[in-house]
Amino acid sequence: MKKGENMEFEKGDCYVANFNALMDIEKFDHKEWVMVHALREIILGSEWWGGHAFLYNKKTKMVYDASISARNSNDGKPLNITLEEAVDKWNLKTHEPSMWQEYTRGEMVTKAIDTGHYGSWDLPYENWATMPPANYAEYMKWFQKEYCPTTYKVMQLNTEKIKGE
């Protein structure tokens, strides 16, 4: 990359890869496994968050991730880890509805048909374009204060400086 060029990041395939994995009825019992759309901290401590999809077994508390990023970091194989390991690895907030959504096989198929895509469907951080601007602004203010404290402090300092405080 030359100086001054924009760096581009490609979206991963986690939504479609894990959607397709859960459709494998031989491998994944729909009574135990759900699709999860969650926000994860991409680099722990960075305050850099992004959406991710994976499968979660509610009975065994195991996480399965068939995405290219999971396979690239796991010798070409899907990632199989405990929920506790996934929480530690990705800083998942499993009890925060705006950061963790579960879908049964039937629910995910319905969402895909209704929206025309594989996700993210219900994560405000990822779905900013479909939210009314005032709602998104309030959400981001809360999100930054809660999960990006350094960013929030910088924004507050900038606001104070602009206002001349």
C-alpha atoms as a PDB file:
ATOM      1  CA  MET A   1       0.000   0.000   0.000  1.00  0.00           C
ATOM      2  CA  LYS A   2       1.317   3.430  -0.894  1.00  0.00           C
ATOM      3  CA  LYS A   3       1.228   6.353   1.494  1.00  0.00           C
ATOM      4  CA  GLY A   4      -2.065   8.161   1.198  1.00  0.00           C
ATOM      5  CA  GLU A   5      -3.988   5.172  -0.137  1.00  0.00           C
ATOM      6  CA  ASN A   6      -7.038   4.091   1.780  1.00  0.00           C
ATOM      7  CA  MET A   7      -6.826   0.763   3.503  1.00  0.00           C
ATOM      8  CA  GLU A   8      -9.852  -1.379   2.723  1.00  0.00           C
ATOM      9  CA  PHE A   9     -11.147  -4.164   4.886  1.00  0.00           C
ATOM     10  CA  GLU A  10     -13.289  -6.880   3.422  1.00  0.00           C
ATOM     11  CA  LYS A  11     -16.214  -8.121   5.411  1.00  0.00           C
ATOM     12  CA  GLY A  12     -15.756 -11.646   6.588  1.00  0.00           C
ATOM     13  CA  ASP A  13     -18.103 -14.502   5.839  1.00  0.00           C
ATOM     14  CA  CYS A  14     -19.191 -15.269   9.404  1.00  0.00           C
ATOM     15  CA  TYR A  15     -22.893 -14.563   8.852  1.00  0.00           C
ATOM     16  CA  VAL A  16     -23.285 -16.724   5.754  1.00  0.00           C
ATOM     17  CA  ALA A  17     -20.794 -19.428   6.828  1.00  0.00           C
ATOM     18  CA  ASN A  18     -22.478 -20.040  10.153  1.00  0.00           C
ATOM     19  CA  PHE A  19     -25.974 -19.742   8.651  1.00  0.00           C
ATOM     20  CA  ASN A  20     -25.033 -22.497   6.212  1.00  0.00           C
ATOM     21  CA  ALA A  21     -23.455 -24.561   8.992  1.00  0.00           C
ATOM     22  CA  LEU A  22     -26.628 -24.476  11.093  1.00  0.00           C
ATOM     23  CA  MET A  23     -28.629 -25.613   8.069  1.00  0.00           C
ATOM     24  CA  ASP A  24     -26.710 -28.924   8.240  1.00  0.00           C
ATOM     25  CA  ILE A  25     -29.422 -30.822  10.106  1.00  0.00           C
ATOM     26  CA  GLU A  26     -27.249 -33.927  10.352  1.00  0.00           C
ATOM     27  CA  LYS A  27     -24.560 -32.098  12.308  1.00  0.00           C
ATOM     28  CA  PHE A  28     -26.478 -29.527  14.363  1.00  0.00           C
ATOM     29  CA  ASP A  29     -29.529 -30.460  16.427  1.00  0.00           C
ATOM     30  CA  HIS A  30     -31.929 -27.519  16.155  1.00  0.00           C
ATOM     31  CA  LYS A  31     -33.123 -28.180  19.719  1.00  0.00           C
ATOM     32  CA  GLU A  32     -29.647 -27.427  21.111  1.00  0.00           C
ATOM     33  CA  TRP A  33     -27.898 -25.114  18.636  1.00  0.00           C
ATOM     34  CA  VAL A  34     -28.707 -21.475  17.886  1.00  0.00           C
ATOM     35  CA  MET A  35     -27.140 -18.860  15.631  1.00  0.00           C
ATOM     36  CA  VAL A  36     -25.690 -15.953  17.601  1.00  0.00           C
ATOM     37  CA  HIS A  37     -25.094 -12.467  16.267  1.00  0.00           C
ATOM     38  CA  ALA A  38     -22.907 -10.608  18.729  1.00  0.00           C
ATOM     39  CA  LEU A  39     -20.604  -7.656  19.025  1.00  0.00           C
ATOM     40  CA  ARG A  40     -17.065  -8.659  19.792  1.00  0.00           C
ATOM     41  CA  GLU A  41     -14.055  -6.579  20.599  1.00  0.00           C
ATOM     42  CA  ILE A  42     -11.836  -7.251  17.603  1.00  0.00           C
ATOM     43  CA  ILE A  43      -8.605  -6.667  19.541  1.00  0.00           C
ATOM     44  CA  LEU A  44      -9.050  -6.925  23.310  1.00  0.00           C
ATOM     45  CA  GLY A  45      -8.631  -3.562  24.984  1.00  0.00           C
ATOM     46  CA  SER A  46      -8.763  -1.669  21.691  1.00  0.00           C
ATOM     47  CA  GLU A  47     -12.345  -0.399  21.987  1.00  0.00           C
ATOM     48  CA  TRP A  48     -12.718  -1.572  18.373  1.00  0.00           C
ATOM     49  CA  TRP A  49     -15.974  -3.497  18.131  1.00  0.00           C
ATOM     50  CA  GLY A  50     -17.603  -5.329  15.269  1.00  0.00           C
ATOM     51  CA  GLY A  51     -20.384  -7.770  14.571  1.00  0.00           C
ATOM     52  CA  HIS A  52     -19.728 -11.492  14.430  1.00  0.00           C
ATOM     53  CA  ALA A  53     -21.833 -14.606  13.935  1.00  0.00           C
ATOM     54  CA  PHE A  54     -21.248 -18.086  15.314  1.00  0.00           C
ATOM     55  CA  LEU A  55     -23.212 -21.077  16.552  1.00  0.00           C
ATOM     56  CA  TYR A  56     -23.864 -21.774  20.203  1.00  0.00           C
ATOM     57  CA  ASN A  57     -24.977 -25.019  21.831  1.00  0.00           C
ATOM     58  CA  LYS A  58     -27.211 -24.032  24.736  1.00  0.00           C
ATOM     59  CA  LYS A  59     -26.962 -27.482  26.293  1.00  0.00           C
ATOM     60  CA  THR A  60     -23.194 -28.035  26.203  1.00  0.00           C
ATOM     61  CA  LYS A  61     -22.184 -24.321  26.235  1.00  0.00           C
ATOM     62  CA  MET A  62     -19.942 -24.846  23.181  1.00  0.00           C
ATOM     63  CA  VAL A  63     -19.285 -22.291  20.449  1.00  0.00           C
ATOM     64  CA  TYR A  64     -18.706 -23.324  16.825  1.00  0.00           C
ATOM     65  CA  ASP A  65     -17.435 -20.827  14.265  1.00  0.00           C
ATOM     66  CA  ALA A  66     -17.150 -21.852  10.610  1.00  0.00           C
ATOM     67  CA  SER A  67     -16.045 -18.416   9.375  1.00  0.00           C
ATOM     68  CA  ILE A  68     -12.929 -17.823   7.321  1.00  0.00           C
ATOM     69  CA  SER A  69     -11.362 -15.852  10.182  1.00  0.00           C
ATOM     70  CA  ALA A  70     -11.922 -18.786  12.542  1.00  0.00           C
ATOM     71  CA  ARG A  71     -10.525 -21.276  10.024  1.00  0.00           C
ATOM     72  CA  ASN A  72      -7.522 -19.031   9.275  1.00  0.00           C
ATOM     73  CA  SER A  73      -6.589 -18.983  12.948  1.00  0.00           C
ATOM     74  CA  ASN A  74      -7.284 -22.690  13.506  1.00  0.00           C
ATOM     75  CA  ASP A  75      -5.304 -24.616  10.867  1.00  0.00           C
ATOM     76  CA  GLY A  76      -8.161 -24.453   8.364  1.00  0.00           C
ATOM     77  CA  LYS A  77     -10.713 -26.004  10.723  1.00  0.00           C
ATOM     78  CA  PRO A  78     -13.803 -24.391  12.251  1.00  0.00           C
ATOM     79  CA  LEU A  79     -13.284 -23.126  15.765  1.00  0.00           C
ATOM     80  CA  ASN A  80     -14.771 -25.202  18.603  1.00  0.00           C
ATOM     81  CA  ILE A  81     -14.432 -23.563  22.023  1.00  0.00           C
ATOM     82  CA  THR A  82     -16.446 -23.191  25.204  1.00  0.00           C
ATOM     83  CA  LEU A  83     -18.643 -20.160  25.701  1.00  0.00           C
ATOM     84  CA  GLU A  84     -16.334 -19.099  28.534  1.00  0.00           C
ATOM     85  CA  GLU A  85     -13.356 -19.180  26.154  1.00  0.00           C
ATOM     86  CA  ALA A  86     -15.311 -17.207  23.537  1.00  0.00           C
ATOM     87  CA  VAL A  87     -16.276 -14.586  26.133  1.00  0.00           C
ATOM     88  CA  ASP A  88     -12.616 -14.211  27.115  1.00  0.00           C
ATOM     89  CA  LYS A  89     -11.369 -14.226  23.505  1.00  0.00           C
ATOM     90  CA  TRP A  90     -13.897 -11.736  22.120  1.00  0.00           C
ATOM     91  CA  ASN A  91     -15.095  -9.808  25.209  1.00  0.00           C
ATOM     92  CA  LEU A  92     -18.660 -10.930  24.527  1.00  0.00           C
ATOM     93  CA  LYS A  93     -21.495  -9.353  26.502  1.00  0.00           C
ATOM     94  CA  THR A  94     -23.923 -12.274  26.620  1.00  0.00           C
ATOM     95  CA  HIS A  95     -26.529 -10.501  28.776  1.00  0.00           C
ATOM     96  CA  GLU A  96     -26.681  -7.270  26.762  1.00  0.00           C
ATOM     97  CA  PRO A  97     -29.458  -7.582  24.132  1.00  0.00           C
ATOM     98  CA  SER A  98     -27.961  -4.857  21.929  1.00  0.00           C
ATOM     99  CA  MET A  99     -24.749  -6.918  21.765  1.00  0.00           C
ATOM    100  CA  TRP A 100     -26.009 -10.547  21.780  1.00  0.00           C
ATOM    101  CA  GLN A 101     -28.922 -11.994  19.817  1.00  0.00           C
ATOM    102  CA  GLU A 102     -29.811 -15.692  19.495  1.00  0.00           C
ATOM    103  CA  TYR A 103     -31.824 -17.212  16.653  1.00  0.00           C
ATOM    104  CA  THR A 104     -33.231 -20.697  16.274  1.00  0.00           C
ATOM    105  CA  ARG A 105     -32.880 -22.304  12.862  1.00  0.00           C
ATOM    106  CA  GLY A 106     -36.452 -21.326  12.003  1.00  0.00           C
ATOM    107  CA  GLU A 107     -35.987 -17.743  13.205  1.00  0.00           C
ATOM    108  CA  MET A 108     -32.786 -17.278  11.232  1.00  0.00           C
ATOM    109  CA  VAL A 109     -34.371 -18.608   8.032  1.00  0.00           C
ATOM    110  CA  THR A 110     -37.328 -16.249   8.492  1.00  0.00           C
ATOM    111  CA  LYS A 111     -34.998 -13.278   9.151  1.00  0.00           C
ATOM    112  CA  ALA A 112     -32.927 -14.097   6.063  1.00  0.00           C
ATOM    113  CA  ILE A 113     -36.031 -14.317   3.877  1.00  0.00           C
ATOM    114  CA  ASP A 114     -37.558 -11.137   5.342  1.00  0.00           C
ATOM    115  CA  THR A 115     -34.362  -9.059   5.055  1.00  0.00           C
ATOM    116  CA  GLY A 116     -32.758 -10.587   1.989  1.00  0.00           C
ATOM    117  CA  HIS A 117     -29.420 -11.079   3.775  1.00  0.00           C
ATOM    118  CA  TYR A 118     -27.707 -13.297   6.364  1.00  0.00           C
ATOM    119  CA  GLY A 119     -27.204 -10.647   9.019  1.00  0.00           C
ATOM    120  CA  SER A 120     -26.610  -8.804  11.145  1.00  0.00           C
ATOM    121  CA  TRP A 121     -30.292  -8.350  11.877  1.00  0.00           C
ATOM    122  CA  ASP A 122     -30.817  -6.932  15.357  1.00  0.00           C
ATOM    123  CA  LEU A 123     -27.523  -5.407  16.523  1.00  0.00           C
ATOM    124  CA  PRO A 124     -27.938  -1.609  16.602  1.00  0.00           C
ATOM    125  CA  TYR A 125     -24.187  -1.031  16.273  1.00  0.00           C
ATOM    126  CA  GLU A 126     -24.151  -2.951  12.999  1.00  0.00           C
ATOM    127  CA  ASN A 127     -27.508  -1.738  11.700  1.00  0.00           C
ATOM    128  CA  TRP A 128     -27.013   1.999  12.009  1.00  0.00           C
ATOM    129  CA  ALA A 129     -28.294   2.685   8.492  1.00  0.00           C
ATOM    130  CA  THR A 130     -31.767   1.364   9.350  1.00  0.00           C
ATOM    131  CA  MET A 131     -32.163   3.288  12.622  1.00  0.00           C
ATOM    132  CA  PRO A 132     -33.599   6.794  12.914  1.00  0.00           C
ATOM    133  CA  PRO A 133     -30.589   9.141  13.353  1.00  0.00           C
ATOM    134  CA  ALA A 134     -31.689  10.368  16.803  1.00  0.00           C
ATOM    135  CA  ASN A 135     -32.028   6.799  18.075  1.00  0.00           C
ATOM    136  CA  TYR A 136     -28.641   5.823  16.685  1.00  0.00           C
ATOM    137  CA  ALA A 137     -26.979   8.907  18.190  1.00  0.00           C
ATOM    138  CA  GLU A 138     -28.388   8.066  21.620  1.00  0.00           C
ATOM    139  CA  TYR A 139     -27.383   4.429  21.264  1.00  0.00           C
ATOM    140  CA  MET A 140     -23.813   5.332  20.254  1.00  0.00           C
ATOM    141  CA  LYS A 141     -23.500   7.813  23.114  1.00  0.00           C
ATOM    142  CA  TRP A 142     -24.496   5.050  25.546  1.00  0.00           C
ATOM    143  CA  PHE A 143     -22.292   2.470  23.775  1.00  0.00           C
ATOM    144  CA  GLN A 144     -19.204   4.671  23.790  1.00  0.00           C
ATOM    145  CA  LYS A 145     -19.664   5.649  27.426  1.00  0.00           C
ATOM    146  CA  GLU A 146     -20.102   2.002  28.422  1.00  0.00           C
ATOM    147  CA  TYR A 147     -17.705   0.113  26.117  1.00  0.00           C
ATOM    148  CA  CYS A 148     -15.347   2.720  24.621  1.00  0.00           C
ATOM    149  CA  PRO A 149     -14.451   4.939  27.595  1.00  0.00           C
ATOM    150  CA  THR A 150     -11.327   6.390  25.970  1.00  0.00           C
ATOM    151  CA  THR A 151     -13.226   7.328  22.823  1.00  0.00           C
ATOM    152  CA  TYR A 152     -16.017   8.765  24.947  1.00  0.00           C
ATOM    153  CA  LYS A 153     -13.578  10.957  26.934  1.00  0.00           C
ATOM    154  CA  VAL A 154     -12.006  12.278  23.729  1.00  0.00           C
ATOM    155  CA  MET A 155     -15.452  13.081  22.320  1.00  0.00           C
ATOM    156  CA  GLN A 156     -16.366  14.897  25.545  1.00  0.00           C
ATOM    157  CA  LEU A 157     -13.132  16.933  25.429  1.00  0.00           C
ATOM    158  CA  ASN A 158     -13.772  17.852  21.797  1.00  0.00           C
ATOM    159  CA  THR A 159     -17.338  18.884  22.592  1.00  0.00           C
ATOM    160  CA  GLU A 160     -16.138  21.044  25.497  1.00  0.00           C
ATOM    161  CA  LYS A 161     -13.469  22.644  23.303  1.00  0.00           C
ATOM    162  CA  ILE A 162     -15.978  23.420  20.544  1.00  0.00           C
ATOM    163  CA  LYS A 163     -18.371  24.952  23.066  1.00  0.00           C
ATOM    164  CA  GLY A 164     -15.490  26.928  24.576  1.00  0.00           C
ATOM    165  CA  GLU A 165     -15.826  25.395  28.014  1.00  0.00           C
END
